[in-house]
Amino acid sequence: MAETHLIKKYANRRLYDTTTSQHITLDGVRKLIIDGNDVEIVDDASGDDLTRALLLQIIADQEQGGRPMLDAGFLTRIIRLYGNPMQELMGEYLSRSFDTFTQQQSAFQEQMRSTMATLPLTTLQDIAKSNMEAWRTMQEAMLGKRPPGKKETE
């Protein structure tokens, strides 16, 4: 079951997960979130809430490597909204849009699981056979011949 982890940030910049009683890295915080846990990050000395700042740091780290989700144009438009009368409305809109997206994604995944569980094995075999035949036909059309090792009668 998902839980909220209270994480304290010390002056030496180390993070301490009070739920597990262990030091944790920023990547460890990211993994907690991916696993469905919530986090609350506070400064140990002042008690200030640092959650947003560290979550933004995690996002920035993720955007620097691999395949970023947020392109420069999108980020530019977000920056332009700060101070705009529509700022609060846009934040709420983005939050609700993301909630809807994740709900639809979950529903789709469940629907696929349900479909795959109820399909008889013969149907899956027929689909695989059909896909192989389509691949073979495409290969013949592109190469102008049968795949190596196949006879004309196959």
N, C-alpha and C. Protein backbone atom coordinates (compact mmCIF):
# COMPACT_ATOMS: atom_id res chain seq x y z
N MET A 1 0.84 -1.18 0.00
CA MET A 1 0.00 0.00 0.00
C MET A 1 0.88 1.25 0.00
N ALA A 2 0.50 2.23 -0.77
CA ALA A 2 1.27 3.46 -0.86
C ALA A 2 1.15 4.24 0.44
N GLU A 3 2.22 4.93 0.75
CA GLU A 3 2.22 5.72 1.97
C GLU A 3 2.98 7.02 1.73
N THR A 4 2.86 7.94 2.66
CA THR A 4 3.59 9.19 2.57
C THR A 4 4.88 9.06 3.37
N HIS A 5 5.99 9.31 2.70
CA HIS A 5 7.30 9.26 3.35
C HIS A 5 7.71 10.67 3.74
N LEU A 6 8.00 10.87 5.01
CA LEU A 6 8.53 12.15 5.47
C LEU A 6 10.04 12.08 5.31
N ILE A 7 10.56 13.01 4.53
CA ILE A 7 11.99 13.04 4.26
C ILE A 7 12.54 14.36 4.77
N LYS A 8 13.60 14.25 5.55
CA LYS A 8 14.24 15.45 6.10
C LYS A 8 15.51 15.73 5.32
N LYS A 9 15.70 17.02 5.02
CA LYS A 9 16.92 17.43 4.33
C LYS A 9 17.79 18.15 5.35
N TYR A 10 18.99 17.65 5.50
CA TYR A 10 19.92 18.22 6.47
C TYR A 10 20.80 19.28 5.84
N ALA A 11 21.48 20.05 6.67
CA ALA A 11 22.34 21.15 6.21
C ALA A 11 23.43 20.65 5.25
N ASN A 12 23.87 19.41 5.43
CA ASN A 12 24.90 18.86 4.55
C ASN A 12 24.31 18.33 3.23
N ARG A 13 23.06 18.64 2.98
CA ARG A 13 22.30 18.29 1.78
C ARG A 13 21.90 16.82 1.70
N ARG A 14 22.14 16.07 2.76
CA ARG A 14 21.72 14.67 2.76
C ARG A 14 20.24 14.59 3.08
N LEU A 15 19.62 13.59 2.50
CA LEU A 15 18.19 13.36 2.71
C LEU A 15 18.03 12.13 3.59
N TYR A 16 17.06 12.19 4.51
CA TYR A 16 16.82 11.09 5.43
C TYR A 16 15.34 10.75 5.42
N ASP A 17 15.03 9.51 5.04
CA ASP A 17 13.65 9.03 5.00
C ASP A 17 13.28 8.55 6.40
N THR A 18 12.42 9.29 7.08
CA THR A 18 12.06 8.91 8.45
C THR A 18 11.16 7.68 8.48
N THR A 19 10.51 7.35 7.38
CA THR A 19 9.64 6.18 7.32
C THR A 19 10.46 4.90 7.36
N THR A 20 11.59 4.89 6.63
CA THR A 20 12.44 3.69 6.59
C THR A 20 13.66 3.82 7.50
N SER A 21 13.84 4.99 8.09
CA SER A 21 15.01 5.28 8.95
C SER A 21 16.32 5.04 8.22
N GLN A 22 16.39 5.57 6.99
CA GLN A 22 17.60 5.43 6.17
C GLN A 22 17.85 6.71 5.38
N HIS A 23 19.13 6.93 5.09
CA HIS A 23 19.45 8.02 4.17
C HIS A 23 18.98 7.61 2.79
N ILE A 24 18.63 8.60 1.98
CA ILE A 24 18.08 8.32 0.66
C ILE A 24 18.64 9.35 -0.32
N THR A 25 18.81 8.95 -1.55
CA THR A 25 19.28 9.86 -2.58
C THR A 25 18.07 10.47 -3.29
N LEU A 26 18.33 11.46 -4.12
CA LEU A 26 17.27 12.05 -4.91
C LEU A 26 16.66 11.01 -5.85
N ASP A 27 17.51 10.14 -6.39
CA ASP A 27 17.01 9.05 -7.23
C ASP A 27 16.14 8.10 -6.42
N GLY A 28 16.48 7.88 -5.18
CA GLY A 28 15.66 7.05 -4.30
C GLY A 28 14.30 7.67 -4.07
N VAL A 29 14.25 8.99 -3.94
CA VAL A 29 12.97 9.70 -3.80
C VAL A 29 12.14 9.50 -5.08
N ARG A 30 12.81 9.61 -6.22
CA ARG A 30 12.13 9.40 -7.50
C ARG A 30 11.53 8.01 -7.56
N LYS A 31 12.28 7.01 -7.12
CA LYS A 31 11.79 5.62 -7.14
C LYS A 31 10.60 5.43 -6.19
N LEU A 32 10.64 6.10 -5.03
CA LEU A 32 9.49 6.04 -4.12
C LEU A 32 8.23 6.54 -4.82
N ILE A 33 8.37 7.64 -5.53
CA ILE A 33 7.24 8.25 -6.22
C ILE A 33 6.74 7.33 -7.34
N ILE A 34 7.68 6.78 -8.11
CA ILE A 34 7.30 5.85 -9.18
C ILE A 34 6.54 4.66 -8.62
N ASP A 35 6.93 4.21 -7.43
CA ASP A 35 6.26 3.07 -6.79
C ASP A 35 4.90 3.44 -6.21
N GLY A 36 4.49 4.70 -6.35
CA GLY A 36 3.17 5.12 -5.92
C GLY A 36 3.11 5.79 -4.56
N ASN A 37 4.26 5.99 -3.94
CA ASN A 37 4.28 6.65 -2.64
C ASN A 37 4.28 8.17 -2.80
N ASP A 38 3.77 8.85 -1.81
CA ASP A 38 3.86 10.30 -1.75
C ASP A 38 5.05 10.65 -0.88
N VAL A 39 5.58 11.83 -1.09
CA VAL A 39 6.69 12.28 -0.26
C VAL A 39 6.41 13.69 0.24
N GLU A 40 6.92 13.95 1.42
CA GLU A 40 6.91 15.29 2.00
C GLU A 40 8.35 15.54 2.43
N ILE A 41 8.95 16.58 1.88
CA ILE A 41 10.36 16.85 2.15
C ILE A 41 10.45 18.17 2.91
N VAL A 42 11.07 18.12 4.09
CA VAL A 42 11.18 19.32 4.92
C VAL A 42 12.64 19.56 5.30
N ASP A 43 12.96 20.82 5.50
CA ASP A 43 14.28 21.20 6.00
C ASP A 43 14.33 20.83 7.47
N ASP A 44 15.35 20.09 7.85
CA ASP A 44 15.44 19.60 9.23
C ASP A 44 15.55 20.74 10.24
N ALA A 45 16.32 21.77 9.90
CA ALA A 45 16.56 22.86 10.86
C ALA A 45 15.37 23.81 10.97
N SER A 46 14.84 24.26 9.82
CA SER A 46 13.78 25.27 9.85
C SER A 46 12.38 24.70 9.78
N GLY A 47 12.25 23.46 9.27
CA GLY A 47 10.92 22.87 9.09
C GLY A 47 10.23 23.33 7.82
N ASP A 48 10.94 24.15 7.01
CA ASP A 48 10.35 24.63 5.75
C ASP A 48 10.04 23.46 4.82
N ASP A 49 8.94 23.59 4.09
CA ASP A 49 8.54 22.56 3.13
C ASP A 49 9.38 22.73 1.86
N LEU A 50 10.16 21.73 1.53
CA LEU A 50 11.02 21.74 0.35
C LEU A 50 10.53 20.80 -0.75
N THR A 51 9.34 20.26 -0.58
CA THR A 51 8.83 19.23 -1.49
C THR A 51 8.83 19.70 -2.94
N ARG A 52 8.20 20.83 -3.22
CA ARG A 52 8.11 21.31 -4.61
C ARG A 52 9.49 21.53 -5.21
N ALA A 53 10.39 22.14 -4.45
CA ALA A 53 11.73 22.43 -4.97
C ALA A 53 12.47 21.15 -5.34
N LEU A 54 12.38 20.14 -4.49
CA LEU A 54 13.08 18.90 -4.80
C LEU A 54 12.39 18.11 -5.90
N LEU A 55 11.06 18.17 -5.97
CA LEU A 55 10.36 17.51 -7.08
C LEU A 55 10.73 18.17 -8.41
N LEU A 56 10.84 19.49 -8.41
CA LEU A 56 11.28 20.19 -9.62
C LEU A 56 12.71 19.80 -9.99
N GLN A 57 13.55 19.60 -8.99
CA GLN A 57 14.92 19.16 -9.25
C GLN A 57 14.93 17.76 -9.87
N ILE A 58 14.07 16.88 -9.39
CA ILE A 58 13.97 15.53 -9.97
C ILE A 58 13.54 15.62 -11.42
N ILE A 59 12.55 16.46 -11.69
CA ILE A 59 12.07 16.63 -13.07
C ILE A 59 13.19 17.19 -13.94
N ALA A 60 13.90 18.20 -13.44
CA ALA A 60 15.00 18.79 -14.21
C ALA A 60 16.08 17.74 -14.51
N ASP A 61 16.39 16.90 -13.53
CA ASP A 61 17.38 15.84 -13.75
C ASP A 61 16.90 14.87 -14.82
N GLN A 62 15.63 14.51 -14.78
CA GLN A 62 15.08 13.58 -15.77
C GLN A 62 15.05 14.21 -17.16
N GLU A 63 14.77 15.49 -17.23
CA GLU A 63 14.71 16.18 -18.52
C GLU A 63 16.09 16.30 -19.16
N GLN A 64 17.14 16.32 -18.36
CA GLN A 64 18.51 16.45 -18.88
C GLN A 64 19.00 15.18 -19.56
N GLY A 65 18.53 14.05 -19.11
CA GLY A 65 19.00 12.80 -19.67
C GLY A 65 17.91 12.09 -20.44
N GLY A 66 18.31 11.22 -21.33
CA GLY A 66 17.34 10.39 -22.03
C GLY A 66 16.43 11.16 -22.95
N ARG A 67 15.14 10.84 -22.86
CA ARG A 67 14.13 11.45 -23.73
C ARG A 67 13.25 12.40 -22.92
N PRO A 68 13.47 13.69 -23.05
CA PRO A 68 12.67 14.64 -22.27
C PRO A 68 11.20 14.66 -22.71
N MET A 69 10.32 14.98 -21.77
CA MET A 69 8.89 15.11 -22.06
C MET A 69 8.51 16.55 -22.39
N LEU A 70 9.25 17.47 -21.81
CA LEU A 70 8.88 18.88 -21.92
C LEU A 70 9.84 19.60 -22.85
N ASP A 71 9.36 19.94 -24.04
CA ASP A 71 10.26 20.63 -24.97
C ASP A 71 10.39 22.11 -24.61
N ALA A 72 11.34 22.77 -25.21
CA ALA A 72 11.64 24.17 -24.89
C ALA A 72 10.44 25.08 -25.15
N GLY A 73 9.69 24.81 -26.20
CA GLY A 73 8.52 25.63 -26.49
C GLY A 73 7.47 25.54 -25.40
N PHE A 74 7.22 24.35 -24.90
CA PHE A 74 6.26 24.15 -23.83
C PHE A 74 6.71 24.87 -22.57
N LEU A 75 7.99 24.70 -22.22
CA LEU A 75 8.54 25.36 -21.03
C LEU A 75 8.48 26.87 -21.16
N THR A 76 8.75 27.37 -22.35
CA THR A 76 8.68 28.82 -22.60
C THR A 76 7.27 29.34 -22.35
N ARG A 77 6.28 28.62 -22.85
CA ARG A 77 4.89 29.04 -22.65
C ARG A 77 4.51 29.02 -21.17
N ILE A 78 5.01 28.03 -20.44
CA ILE A 78 4.72 28.00 -19.00
C ILE A 78 5.33 29.21 -18.31
N ILE A 79 6.57 29.53 -18.64
CA ILE A 79 7.24 30.70 -18.04
C ILE A 79 6.46 31.96 -18.32
N ARG A 80 5.94 32.09 -19.52
CA ARG A 80 5.18 33.30 -19.89
C ARG A 80 3.88 33.43 -19.11
N LEU A 81 3.37 32.33 -18.58
CA LEU A 81 2.13 32.39 -17.82
C LEU A 81 2.32 32.89 -16.39
N TYR A 82 3.56 32.82 -15.88
CA TYR A 82 3.79 33.30 -14.52
C TYR A 82 3.52 34.80 -14.46
N GLY A 83 2.70 35.20 -13.49
CA GLY A 83 2.32 36.60 -13.35
C GLY A 83 1.12 36.97 -14.18
N ASN A 84 0.72 36.11 -15.08
CA ASN A 84 -0.44 36.32 -15.92
C ASN A 84 -1.69 36.01 -15.10
N PRO A 85 -2.79 36.75 -15.34
CA PRO A 85 -4.03 36.46 -14.61
C PRO A 85 -4.52 35.01 -14.80
N MET A 86 -4.08 34.35 -15.87
CA MET A 86 -4.50 32.98 -16.16
C MET A 86 -3.62 31.95 -15.47
N GLN A 87 -2.63 32.39 -14.71
CA GLN A 87 -1.66 31.46 -14.09
C GLN A 87 -2.35 30.39 -13.25
N GLU A 88 -3.21 30.78 -12.35
CA GLU A 88 -3.87 29.80 -11.48
C GLU A 88 -4.77 28.87 -12.27
N LEU A 89 -5.48 29.44 -13.24
CA LEU A 89 -6.37 28.64 -14.07
C LEU A 89 -5.57 27.60 -14.85
N MET A 90 -4.43 28.01 -15.39
CA MET A 90 -3.61 27.09 -16.18
C MET A 90 -3.05 25.97 -15.31
N GLY A 91 -2.61 26.28 -14.12
CA GLY A 91 -2.12 25.24 -13.21
C GLY A 91 -3.20 24.21 -12.93
N GLU A 92 -4.39 24.68 -12.66
CA GLU A 92 -5.52 23.77 -12.40
C GLU A 92 -5.86 22.96 -13.65
N TYR A 93 -5.84 23.62 -14.81
CA TYR A 93 -6.13 22.94 -16.07
C TYR A 93 -5.11 21.83 -16.35
N LEU A 94 -3.83 22.14 -16.17
CA LEU A 94 -2.78 21.13 -16.40
C LEU A 94 -2.92 19.96 -15.44
N SER A 95 -3.22 20.26 -14.19
CA SER A 95 -3.38 19.21 -13.19
C SER A 95 -4.56 18.30 -13.54
N ARG A 96 -5.68 18.87 -13.88
CA ARG A 96 -6.86 18.07 -14.24
C ARG A 96 -6.63 17.29 -15.54
N SER A 97 -5.94 17.91 -16.49
CA SER A 97 -5.64 17.22 -17.75
C SER A 97 -4.76 16.01 -17.49
N PHE A 98 -3.78 16.16 -16.62
CA PHE A 98 -2.89 15.05 -16.31
C PHE A 98 -3.64 13.96 -15.56
N ASP A 99 -4.53 14.35 -14.64
CA ASP A 99 -5.35 13.36 -13.93
C ASP A 99 -6.19 12.56 -14.91
N THR A 100 -6.81 13.24 -15.87
CA THR A 100 -7.63 12.57 -16.87
C THR A 100 -6.78 11.62 -17.71
N PHE A 101 -5.60 12.08 -18.11
CA PHE A 101 -4.69 11.25 -18.91
C PHE A 101 -4.33 9.97 -18.16
N THR A 102 -3.97 10.08 -16.88
CA THR A 102 -3.57 8.89 -16.13
C THR A 102 -4.75 7.96 -15.89
N GLN A 103 -5.95 8.51 -15.70
CA GLN A 103 -7.14 7.67 -15.55
C GLN A 103 -7.42 6.90 -16.83
N GLN A 104 -7.31 7.59 -17.98
CA GLN A 104 -7.54 6.93 -19.26
C GLN A 104 -6.48 5.87 -19.52
N GLN A 105 -5.24 6.15 -19.17
CA GLN A 105 -4.16 5.19 -19.35
C GLN A 105 -4.42 3.94 -18.50
N SER A 106 -4.82 4.13 -17.26
CA SER A 106 -5.12 2.99 -16.38
C SER A 106 -6.29 2.18 -16.92
N ALA A 107 -7.33 2.86 -17.39
CA ALA A 107 -8.50 2.17 -17.93
C ALA A 107 -8.12 1.37 -19.17
N PHE A 108 -7.29 1.94 -20.03
CA PHE A 108 -6.84 1.25 -21.24
C PHE A 108 -6.03 0.01 -20.88
N GLN A 109 -5.11 0.15 -19.92
CA GLN A 109 -4.29 -0.98 -19.51
C GLN A 109 -5.15 -2.09 -18.92
N GLU A 110 -6.14 -1.73 -18.11
CA GLU A 110 -7.03 -2.73 -17.53
C GLU A 110 -7.86 -3.40 -18.62
N GLN A 111 -8.31 -2.63 -19.57
CA GLN A 111 -9.10 -3.19 -20.68
C GLN A 111 -8.25 -4.17 -21.49
N MET A 112 -6.98 -3.84 -21.72
CA MET A 112 -6.09 -4.74 -22.46
C MET A 112 -5.86 -6.02 -21.65
N ARG A 113 -5.63 -5.89 -20.34
CA ARG A 113 -5.45 -7.07 -19.49
C ARG A 113 -6.68 -7.96 -19.54
N SER A 114 -7.84 -7.35 -19.43
CA SER A 114 -9.09 -8.09 -19.46
C SER A 114 -9.29 -8.79 -20.80
N THR A 115 -9.01 -8.09 -21.87
CA THR A 115 -9.16 -8.66 -23.21
C THR A 115 -8.22 -9.83 -23.41
N MET A 116 -6.97 -9.66 -23.00
CA MET A 116 -5.99 -10.72 -23.18
C MET A 116 -6.33 -11.93 -22.31
N ALA A 117 -6.93 -11.70 -21.15
CA ALA A 117 -7.28 -12.80 -20.25
C ALA A 117 -8.46 -13.60 -20.78
N THR A 118 -9.36 -12.94 -21.53
CA THR A 118 -10.56 -13.63 -22.00
C THR A 118 -10.41 -14.20 -23.40
N LEU A 119 -9.40 -13.77 -24.14
CA LEU A 119 -9.20 -14.32 -25.49
C LEU A 119 -8.71 -15.76 -25.39
N PRO A 120 -9.31 -16.65 -26.15
CA PRO A 120 -8.79 -18.01 -26.15
C PRO A 120 -7.41 -18.06 -26.81
N LEU A 121 -6.61 -19.02 -26.40
CA LEU A 121 -5.26 -19.16 -26.93
C LEU A 121 -5.28 -19.31 -28.44
N THR A 122 -6.28 -19.99 -28.98
CA THR A 122 -6.34 -20.17 -30.44
C THR A 122 -6.49 -18.83 -31.15
N THR A 123 -7.22 -17.90 -30.55
CA THR A 123 -7.36 -16.58 -31.16
C THR A 123 -6.01 -15.87 -31.21
N LEU A 124 -5.25 -15.94 -30.12
CA LEU A 124 -3.93 -15.32 -30.10
C LEU A 124 -3.01 -15.98 -31.13
N GLN A 125 -3.12 -17.30 -31.27
CA GLN A 125 -2.31 -18.00 -32.26
C GLN A 125 -2.71 -17.58 -33.67
N ASP A 126 -4.02 -17.41 -33.91
CA ASP A 126 -4.49 -16.97 -35.22
C ASP A 126 -3.97 -15.57 -35.54
N ILE A 127 -3.97 -14.69 -34.54
CA ILE A 127 -3.46 -13.33 -34.73
C ILE A 127 -1.98 -13.38 -35.07
N ALA A 128 -1.22 -14.19 -34.34
CA ALA A 128 0.22 -14.31 -34.61
C ALA A 128 0.46 -14.86 -36.01
N LYS A 129 -0.31 -15.86 -36.40
CA LYS A 129 -0.17 -16.46 -37.74
C LYS A 129 -0.48 -15.42 -38.82
N SER A 130 -1.54 -14.65 -38.61
CA SER A 130 -1.92 -13.60 -39.56
C SER A 130 -0.83 -12.54 -39.67
N ASN A 131 -0.26 -12.16 -38.53
CA ASN A 131 0.82 -11.16 -38.53
C ASN A 131 2.05 -11.68 -39.27
N MET A 132 2.38 -12.96 -39.07
CA MET A 132 3.53 -13.56 -39.77
C MET A 132 3.29 -13.60 -41.28
N GLU A 133 2.07 -13.92 -41.69
CA GLU A 133 1.76 -13.96 -43.11
C GLU A 133 1.84 -12.56 -43.72
N ALA A 134 1.34 -11.56 -42.99
CA ALA A 134 1.44 -10.17 -43.48
C ALA A 134 2.89 -9.75 -43.60
N TRP A 135 3.72 -10.13 -42.63
CA TRP A 135 5.15 -9.82 -42.67
C TRP A 135 5.80 -10.49 -43.87
N ARG A 136 5.48 -11.76 -44.10
CA ARG A 136 6.05 -12.51 -45.22
C ARG A 136 5.66 -11.86 -46.56
N THR A 137 4.39 -11.47 -46.68
CA THR A 137 3.91 -10.83 -47.90
C THR A 137 4.63 -9.50 -48.14
N MET A 138 4.81 -8.72 -47.08
CA MET A 138 5.51 -7.44 -47.20
C MET A 138 6.96 -7.67 -47.59
N GLN A 139 7.58 -8.67 -47.00
CA GLN A 139 8.97 -8.98 -47.31
C GLN A 139 9.12 -9.40 -48.77
N GLU A 140 8.19 -10.21 -49.25
CA GLU A 140 8.22 -10.63 -50.65
C GLU A 140 8.05 -9.43 -51.57
N ALA A 141 7.13 -8.54 -51.22
CA ALA A 141 6.88 -7.37 -52.06
C ALA A 141 8.10 -6.44 -52.10
N MET A 142 8.76 -6.28 -50.96
CA MET A 142 9.90 -5.36 -50.91
C MET A 142 11.15 -5.97 -51.53
N LEU A 143 11.36 -7.25 -51.30
CA LEU A 143 12.57 -7.90 -51.80
C LEU A 143 12.35 -8.56 -53.15
N GLY A 144 11.10 -8.73 -53.53
CA GLY A 144 10.79 -9.35 -54.81
C GLY A 144 11.07 -10.84 -54.83
N LYS A 145 11.14 -11.44 -53.67
CA LYS A 145 11.40 -12.88 -53.60
C LYS A 145 10.94 -13.42 -52.26
N ARG A 146 10.97 -14.71 -52.15
CA ARG A 146 10.63 -15.38 -50.90
C ARG A 146 11.78 -15.22 -49.91
N PRO A 147 11.47 -15.26 -48.60
CA PRO A 147 12.55 -15.22 -47.60
C PRO A 147 13.49 -16.39 -47.77
N PRO A 148 14.76 -16.24 -47.39
CA PRO A 148 15.71 -17.34 -47.55
C PRO A 148 15.23 -18.59 -46.83
N GLY A 149 15.44 -19.74 -47.50
CA GLY A 149 15.06 -21.01 -46.90
C GLY A 149 13.62 -21.40 -47.13
N LYS A 150 12.83 -20.59 -47.83
CA LYS A 150 11.42 -20.90 -48.09
C LYS A 150 11.27 -21.32 -49.54
N LYS A 151 10.44 -22.34 -49.76
CA LYS A 151 10.16 -22.81 -51.12
C LYS A 151 8.94 -22.09 -51.64
N GLU A 152 8.76 -22.10 -52.94
CA GLU A 152 7.62 -21.46 -53.57
C GLU A 152 6.30 -22.01 -53.06
N THR A 153 6.25 -23.28 -52.71
CA THR A 153 5.01 -23.88 -52.27
C THR A 153 4.68 -23.62 -50.82
N GLU A 154 5.59 -23.06 -50.05
CA GLU A 154 5.36 -22.80 -48.64
C GLU A 154 4.48 -21.59 -48.45
